[in-house]
């Protein structure tokens, strides 16, 4: 994937790469030079985007349940 560098030296990280690394607004990234002189983009912070299942964790069984009057 290629991207263009702006006049300010900024680039847009392509969405598939952001999704793969869990990069969301506010995430920190770091650049490392590999042995073959290529540059590697890595996630610098420990947080990652919560999956749709993780966002629901703790919500099961929280609905109000009405007990039947015959109990």
PDB file of N, CA and C in Angstrom:
ATOM      1  N   UNK A   1       0.840  -1.170   0.000  1.00  0.00           N
ATOM      2  CA  UNK A   1       0.000   0.000   0.000  1.00  0.00           C
ATOM      3  C   UNK A   1       0.887   1.234   0.000  1.00  0.00           C
ATOM      4  N   UNK A   2       0.549   2.142  -0.821  1.00  0.00           N
ATOM      5  CA  UNK A   2       1.307   3.389  -0.890  1.00  0.00           C
ATOM      6  C   UNK A   2       0.439   4.534  -0.385  1.00  0.00           C
ATOM      7  N   UNK A   3       1.070   5.540   0.163  1.00  0.00           N
ATOM      8  CA  UNK A   3       0.386   6.740   0.614  1.00  0.00           C
ATOM      9  C   UNK A   3       1.276   7.933   0.296  1.00  0.00           C
ATOM     10  N   UNK A   4       0.710   9.113   0.268  1.00  0.00           N
ATOM     11  CA  UNK A   4       1.438  10.318  -0.114  1.00  0.00           C
ATOM     12  C   UNK A   4       1.808  11.127   1.123  1.00  0.00           C
ATOM     13  N   UNK A   5       3.009  11.658   1.134  1.00  0.00           N
ATOM     14  CA  UNK A   5       3.465  12.517   2.221  1.00  0.00           C
ATOM     15  C   UNK A   5       3.005  13.940   1.915  1.00  0.00           C
ATOM     16  N   UNK A   6       2.390  14.608   2.916  1.00  0.00           N
ATOM     17  CA  UNK A   6       1.939  15.984   2.735  1.00  0.00           C
ATOM     18  C   UNK A   6       3.109  16.947   2.878  1.00  0.00           C
ATOM     19  N   UNK A   7       2.869  18.225   2.617  1.00  0.00           N
ATOM     20  CA  UNK A   7       3.895  19.257   2.759  1.00  0.00           C
ATOM     21  C   UNK A   7       4.391  19.362   4.197  1.00  0.00           C
ATOM     22  N   UNK A   8       3.536  18.970   5.164  1.00  0.00           N
ATOM     23  CA  UNK A   8       3.916  18.999   6.578  1.00  0.00           C
ATOM     24  C   UNK A   8       4.618  17.713   7.012  1.00  0.00           C
ATOM     25  N   UNK A   9       4.844  16.784   6.090  1.00  0.00           N
ATOM     26  CA  UNK A   9       5.514  15.531   6.433  1.00  0.00           C
ATOM     27  C   UNK A   9       4.570  14.495   7.028  1.00  0.00           C
ATOM     28  N   UNK A  10       3.278  14.674   6.865  1.00  0.00           N
ATOM     29  CA  UNK A  10       2.291  13.751   7.427  1.00  0.00           C
ATOM     30  C   UNK A  10       1.845  12.746   6.378  1.00  0.00           C
ATOM     31  N   UNK A  11       1.461  11.572   6.856  1.00  0.00           N
ATOM     32  CA  UNK A  11       0.891  10.544   5.984  1.00  0.00           C
ATOM     33  C   UNK A  11      -0.364   9.992   6.647  1.00  0.00           C
ATOM     34  N   UNK A  12      -1.239   9.443   5.837  1.00  0.00           N
ATOM     35  CA  UNK A  12      -2.414   8.764   6.354  1.00  0.00           C
ATOM     36  C   UNK A  12      -2.104   7.275   6.396  1.00  0.00           C
ATOM     37  N   UNK A  13      -2.306   6.659   7.556  1.00  0.00           N
ATOM     38  CA  UNK A  13      -2.111   5.213   7.677  1.00  0.00           C
ATOM     39  C   UNK A  13      -3.348   4.555   7.065  1.00  0.00           C
ATOM     40  N   UNK A  14      -3.174   3.709   6.066  1.00  0.00           N
ATOM     41  CA  UNK A  14      -4.333   3.087   5.416  1.00  0.00           C
ATOM     42  C   UNK A  14      -5.207   2.313   6.414  1.00  0.00           C
ATOM     43  N   UNK A  15      -6.520   2.330   6.186  1.00  0.00           N
ATOM     44  CA  UNK A  15      -7.467   1.704   7.098  1.00  0.00           C
ATOM     45  C   UNK A  15      -7.154   0.232   7.365  1.00  0.00           C
ATOM     46  N   UNK A  16      -6.813  -0.584   6.355  1.00  0.00           N
ATOM     47  CA  UNK A  16      -6.500  -1.985   6.673  1.00  0.00           C
ATOM     48  C   UNK A  16      -5.340  -2.124   7.669  1.00  0.00           C
ATOM     49  N   UNK A  17      -4.356  -1.222   7.586  1.00  0.00           N
ATOM     50  CA  UNK A  17      -3.225  -1.265   8.516  1.00  0.00           C
ATOM     51  C   UNK A  17      -3.678  -0.827   9.907  1.00  0.00           C
ATOM     52  N   UNK A  18      -4.472   0.253   9.977  1.00  0.00           N
ATOM     53  CA  UNK A  18      -5.002   0.697  11.277  1.00  0.00           C
ATOM     54  C   UNK A  18      -5.828  -0.397  11.932  1.00  0.00           C
ATOM     55  N   UNK A  19      -6.667  -1.052  11.143  1.00  0.00           N
ATOM     56  CA  UNK A  19      -7.500  -2.129  11.683  1.00  0.00           C
ATOM     57  C   UNK A  19      -6.650  -3.290  12.186  1.00  0.00           C
ATOM     58  N   UNK A  20      -5.633  -3.666  11.427  1.00  0.00           N
ATOM     59  CA  UNK A  20      -4.776  -4.784  11.795  1.00  0.00           C
ATOM     60  C   UNK A  20      -4.026  -4.509  13.096  1.00  0.00           C
ATOM     61  N   UNK A  21      -3.558  -3.261  13.274  1.00  0.00           N
ATOM     62  CA  UNK A  21      -2.787  -2.909  14.462  1.00  0.00           C
ATOM     63  C   UNK A  21      -3.649  -2.397  15.610  1.00  0.00           C
ATOM     64  N   UNK A  22      -4.939  -2.204  15.350  1.00  0.00           N
ATOM     65  CA  UNK A  22      -5.824  -1.685  16.389  1.00  0.00           C
ATOM     66  C   UNK A  22      -5.576  -0.216  16.681  1.00  0.00           C
ATOM     67  N   UNK A  23      -5.171   0.526  15.673  1.00  0.00           N
ATOM     68  CA  UNK A  23      -4.889   1.951  15.845  1.00  0.00           C
ATOM     69  C   UNK A  23      -6.195   2.724  15.716  1.00  0.00           C
ATOM     70  N   UNK A  24      -6.491   3.497  16.748  1.00  0.00           N
ATOM     71  CA  UNK A  24      -7.687   4.332  16.783  1.00  0.00           C
ATOM     72  C   UNK A  24      -7.242   5.759  17.083  1.00  0.00           C
ATOM     73  N   UNK A  25      -8.126   6.749  16.908  1.00  0.00           N
ATOM     74  CA  UNK A  25      -7.723   8.124  17.236  1.00  0.00           C
ATOM     75  C   UNK A  25      -7.163   8.204  18.659  1.00  0.00           C
ATOM     76  N   UNK A  26      -6.022   8.830  18.800  1.00  0.00           N
ATOM     77  CA  UNK A  26      -5.355   8.942  20.096  1.00  0.00           C
ATOM     78  C   UNK A  26      -4.309   7.868  20.351  1.00  0.00           C
ATOM     79  N   UNK A  27      -4.255   6.843  19.499  1.00  0.00           N
ATOM     80  CA  UNK A  27      -3.246   5.794  19.656  1.00  0.00           C
ATOM     81  C   UNK A  27      -1.866   6.372  19.386  1.00  0.00           C
ATOM     82  N   UNK A  28      -0.874   5.801  20.018  1.00  0.00           N
ATOM     83  CA  UNK A  28       0.509   6.200  19.785  1.00  0.00           C
ATOM     84  C   UNK A  28       1.163   5.126  18.916  1.00  0.00           C
ATOM     85  N   UNK A  29       1.974   5.562  17.970  1.00  0.00           N
ATOM     86  CA  UNK A  29       2.705   4.640  17.104  1.00  0.00           C
ATOM     87  C   UNK A  29       4.182   4.968  17.189  1.00  0.00           C
ATOM     88  N   UNK A  30       5.001   4.011  16.830  1.00  0.00           N
ATOM     89  CA  UNK A  30       6.443   4.191  16.854  1.00  0.00           C
ATOM     90  C   UNK A  30       7.010   3.621  15.558  1.00  0.00           C
ATOM     91  N   UNK A  31       8.149   4.125  15.165  1.00  0.00           N
ATOM     92  CA  UNK A  31       8.823   3.663  13.959  1.00  0.00           C
ATOM     93  C   UNK A  31      10.161   3.066  14.361  1.00  0.00           C
ATOM     94  N   UNK A  32      10.457   1.889  13.839  1.00  0.00           N
ATOM     95  CA  UNK A  32      11.723   1.215  14.120  1.00  0.00           C
ATOM     96  C   UNK A  32      12.423   0.917  12.801  1.00  0.00           C
ATOM     97  N   UNK A  33      13.732   1.104  12.795  1.00  0.00           N
ATOM     98  CA  UNK A  33      14.507   0.739  11.616  1.00  0.00           C
ATOM     99  C   UNK A  33      14.919  -0.712  11.743  1.00  0.00           C
ATOM    100  N   UNK A  34      14.573  -1.511  10.762  1.00  0.00           N
ATOM    101  CA  UNK A  34      14.907  -2.934  10.747  1.00  0.00           C
ATOM    102  C   UNK A  34      16.341  -3.120  10.227  1.00  0.00           C
ATOM    103  N   UNK A  35      16.840  -4.326  10.373  1.00  0.00           N
ATOM    104  CA  UNK A  35      18.221  -4.632   9.963  1.00  0.00           C
ATOM    105  C   UNK A  35      18.436  -4.390   8.471  1.00  0.00           C
ATOM    106  N   UNK A  36      17.391  -4.561   7.667  1.00  0.00           N
ATOM    107  CA  UNK A  36      17.533  -4.360   6.220  1.00  0.00           C
ATOM    108  C   UNK A  36      17.280  -2.899   5.812  1.00  0.00           C
ATOM    109  N   UNK A  37      17.282  -1.984   6.770  1.00  0.00           N
ATOM    110  CA  UNK A  37      17.118  -0.545   6.599  1.00  0.00           C
ATOM    111  C   UNK A  37      15.676  -0.149   6.256  1.00  0.00           C
ATOM    112  N   UNK A  38      14.750  -1.090   6.292  1.00  0.00           N
ATOM    113  CA  UNK A  38      13.348  -0.717   6.128  1.00  0.00           C
ATOM    114  C   UNK A  38      12.843  -0.144   7.450  1.00  0.00           C
ATOM    115  N   UNK A  39      11.705   0.515   7.413  1.00  0.00           N
ATOM    116  CA  UNK A  39      11.118   1.117   8.609  1.00  0.00           C
ATOM    117  C   UNK A  39       9.835   0.363   8.934  1.00  0.00           C
ATOM    118  N   UNK A  40       9.682   0.033  10.212  1.00  0.00           N
ATOM    119  CA  UNK A  40       8.535  -0.742  10.675  1.00  0.00           C
ATOM    120  C   UNK A  40       7.681   0.141  11.579  1.00  0.00           C
ATOM    121  N   UNK A  41       6.382   0.171  11.319  1.00  0.00           N
ATOM    122  CA  UNK A  41       5.427   0.905  12.142  1.00  0.00           C
ATOM    123  C   UNK A  41       4.861  -0.047  13.179  1.00  0.00           C
ATOM    124  N   UNK A  42       4.938   0.325  14.458  1.00  0.00           N
ATOM    125  CA  UNK A  42       4.405  -0.518  15.529  1.00  0.00           C
ATOM    126  C   UNK A  42       3.537   0.326  16.455  1.00  0.00           C
ATOM    127  N   UNK A  43       2.657  -0.320  17.128  1.00  0.00           N
ATOM    128  CA  UNK A  43       1.802   0.325  18.117  1.00  0.00           C
ATOM    129  C   UNK A  43       2.647   0.619  19.353  1.00  0.00           C
ATOM    130  N   UNK A  44       2.689   1.863  19.818  1.00  0.00           N
ATOM    131  CA  UNK A  44       3.548   2.238  20.937  1.00  0.00           C
ATOM    132  C   UNK A  44       2.841   2.133  22.280  1.00  0.00           C
ATOM    133  N   UNK A  45       1.529   2.278  22.303  1.00  0.00           N
ATOM    134  CA  UNK A  45       0.813   2.185  23.573  1.00  0.00           C
ATOM    135  C   UNK A  45       0.272   0.775  23.747  1.00  0.00           C
ATOM    136  N   UNK A  46      -0.026   0.425  24.963  1.00  0.00           N
ATOM    137  CA  UNK A  46      -0.466  -0.938  25.258  1.00  0.00           C
ATOM    138  C   UNK A  46      -1.952  -1.135  24.983  1.00  0.00           C
ATOM    139  N   UNK A  47      -2.700  -0.028  24.940  1.00  0.00           N
ATOM    140  CA  UNK A  47      -4.133  -0.150  24.722  1.00  0.00           C
ATOM    141  C   UNK A  47      -4.408  -0.571  23.291  1.00  0.00           C
ATOM    142  N   UNK A  48      -5.489  -1.248  23.104  1.00  0.00           N
ATOM    143  CA  UNK A  48      -5.917  -1.578  21.756  1.00  0.00           C
ATOM    144  C   UNK A  48      -7.419  -1.408  21.707  1.00  0.00           C
ATOM    145  N   UNK A  49      -7.926  -1.307  20.543  1.00  0.00           N
ATOM    146  CA  UNK A  49      -9.367  -1.125  20.387  1.00  0.00           C
ATOM    147  C   UNK A  49     -10.098  -2.371  20.878  1.00  0.00           C
ATOM    148  N   UNK A  50     -11.154  -2.164  21.629  1.00  0.00           N
ATOM    149  CA  UNK A  50     -11.945  -3.285  22.131  1.00  0.00           C
ATOM    150  C   UNK A  50     -12.736  -3.892  20.978  1.00  0.00           C
ATOM    151  N   UNK A  51     -12.787  -5.208  20.937  1.00  0.00           N
ATOM    152  CA  UNK A  51     -13.583  -5.864  19.909  1.00  0.00           C
ATOM    153  C   UNK A  51     -15.057  -5.689  20.245  1.00  0.00           C
ATOM    154  N   UNK A  52     -15.903  -5.994  19.307  1.00  0.00           N
ATOM    155  CA  UNK A  52     -17.338  -5.843  19.566  1.00  0.00           C
ATOM    156  C   UNK A  52     -17.780  -6.741  20.704  1.00  0.00           C
ATOM    157  N   UNK A  53     -17.094  -7.862  20.927  1.00  0.00           N
ATOM    158  CA  UNK A  53     -17.445  -8.763  22.021  1.00  0.00           C
ATOM    159  C   UNK A  53     -16.942  -8.217  23.354  1.00  0.00           C
ATOM    160  N   UNK A  54     -15.744  -7.634  23.350  1.00  0.00           N
ATOM    161  CA  UNK A  54     -15.202  -7.065  24.587  1.00  0.00           C
ATOM    162  C   UNK A  54     -16.039  -5.885  25.067  1.00  0.00           C
ATOM    163  N   UNK A  55     -16.606  -5.115  24.130  1.00  0.00           N
ATOM    164  CA  UNK A  55     -17.448  -3.988  24.523  1.00  0.00           C
ATOM    165  C   UNK A  55     -18.716  -4.457  25.226  1.00  0.00           C
ATOM    166  N   UNK A  56     -19.154  -5.687  24.962  1.00  0.00           N
ATOM    167  CA  UNK A  56     -20.375  -6.215  25.582  1.00  0.00           C
ATOM    168  C   UNK A  56     -20.100  -6.931  26.898  1.00  0.00           C
ATOM    169  N   UNK A  57     -18.825  -7.175  27.225  1.00  0.00           N
ATOM    170  CA  UNK A  57     -18.472  -7.901  28.442  1.00  0.00           C
ATOM    171  C   UNK A  57     -19.078  -7.213  29.662  1.00  0.00           C
ATOM    172  N   UNK A  58     -19.734  -7.994  30.501  1.00  0.00           N
ATOM    173  CA  UNK A  58     -20.326  -7.473  31.718  1.00  0.00           C
ATOM    174  C   UNK A  58     -21.760  -7.007  31.564  1.00  0.00           C
ATOM    175  N   UNK A  59     -22.308  -7.084  30.365  1.00  0.00           N
ATOM    176  CA  UNK A  59     -23.677  -6.622  30.148  1.00  0.00           C
ATOM    177  C   UNK A  59     -24.699  -7.753  30.160  1.00  0.00           C
ATOM    178  N   UNK A  60     -24.273  -8.976  30.066  1.00  0.00           N
ATOM    179  CA  UNK A  60     -25.199 -10.107  30.039  1.00  0.00           C
ATOM    180  C   UNK A  60     -25.854 -10.253  31.411  1.00  0.00           C
ATOM    181  N   UNK A  61     -27.142 -10.424  31.426  1.00  0.00           N
ATOM    182  CA  UNK A  61     -27.857 -10.649  32.669  1.00  0.00           C
ATOM    183  C   UNK A  61     -28.182  -9.385  33.433  1.00  0.00           C
ATOM    184  N   UNK A  62     -27.943  -8.223  32.846  1.00  0.00           N
ATOM    185  CA  UNK A  62     -28.215  -6.979  33.555  1.00  0.00           C
ATOM    186  C   UNK A  62     -29.618  -6.457  33.285  1.00  0.00           C
ATOM    187  N   UNK A  63     -30.357  -7.136  32.424  1.00  0.00           N
ATOM    188  CA  UNK A  63     -31.724  -6.707  32.155  1.00  0.00           C
ATOM    189  C   UNK A  63     -32.586  -6.986  33.381  1.00  0.00           C
ATOM    190  N   UNK A  64     -33.555  -6.133  33.622  1.00  0.00           N
ATOM    191  CA  UNK A  64     -34.424  -6.361  34.783  1.00  0.00           C
ATOM    192  C   UNK A  64     -35.339  -7.548  34.492  1.00  0.00           C
ATOM    193  N   UNK A  65     -35.396  -8.446  35.421  1.00  0.00           N
ATOM    194  CA  UNK A  65     -36.227  -9.640  35.267  1.00  0.00           C
ATOM    195  C   UNK A  65     -37.355  -9.560  36.270  1.00  0.00           C
ATOM    196  N   UNK A  66     -38.544  -9.692  35.766  1.00  0.00           N
ATOM    197  CA  UNK A  66     -39.718  -9.651  36.632  1.00  0.00           C
ATOM    198  C   UNK A  66     -40.061 -11.075  37.036  1.00  0.00           C
ATOM    199  N   UNK A  67     -40.157 -11.321  38.319  1.00  0.00           N
ATOM    200  CA  UNK A  67     -40.522 -12.644  38.816  1.00  0.00           C
ATOM    201  C   UNK A  67     -42.032 -12.804  38.709  1.00  0.00           C
ATOM    202  N   UNK A  68     -42.504 -13.967  38.299  1.00  0.00           N
ATOM    203  CA  UNK A  68     -43.950 -14.196  38.246  1.00  0.00           C
ATOM    204  C   UNK A  68     -44.546 -14.127  39.643  1.00  0.00           C
ATOM    205  N   UNK A  69     -45.777 -13.673  39.734  1.00  0.00           N
ATOM    206  CA  UNK A  69     -46.429 -13.510  41.052  1.00  0.00           C
ATOM    207  C   UNK A  69     -46.687 -14.836  41.732  1.00  0.00           C
ATOM    208  N   UNK A  70     -46.726 -15.950  40.987  1.00  0.00           N
ATOM    209  CA  UNK A  70     -47.022 -17.240  41.595  1.00  0.00           C
ATOM    210  C   UNK A  70     -45.815 -17.844  42.270  1.00  0.00           C
ATOM    211  N   UNK A  71     -44.638 -17.216  42.195  1.00  0.00           N
ATOM    212  CA  UNK A  71     -43.443 -17.783  42.870  1.00  0.00           C
ATOM    213  C   UNK A  71     -43.386 -17.377  44.273  1.00  0.00           C
TER     214      UNK A  71
END
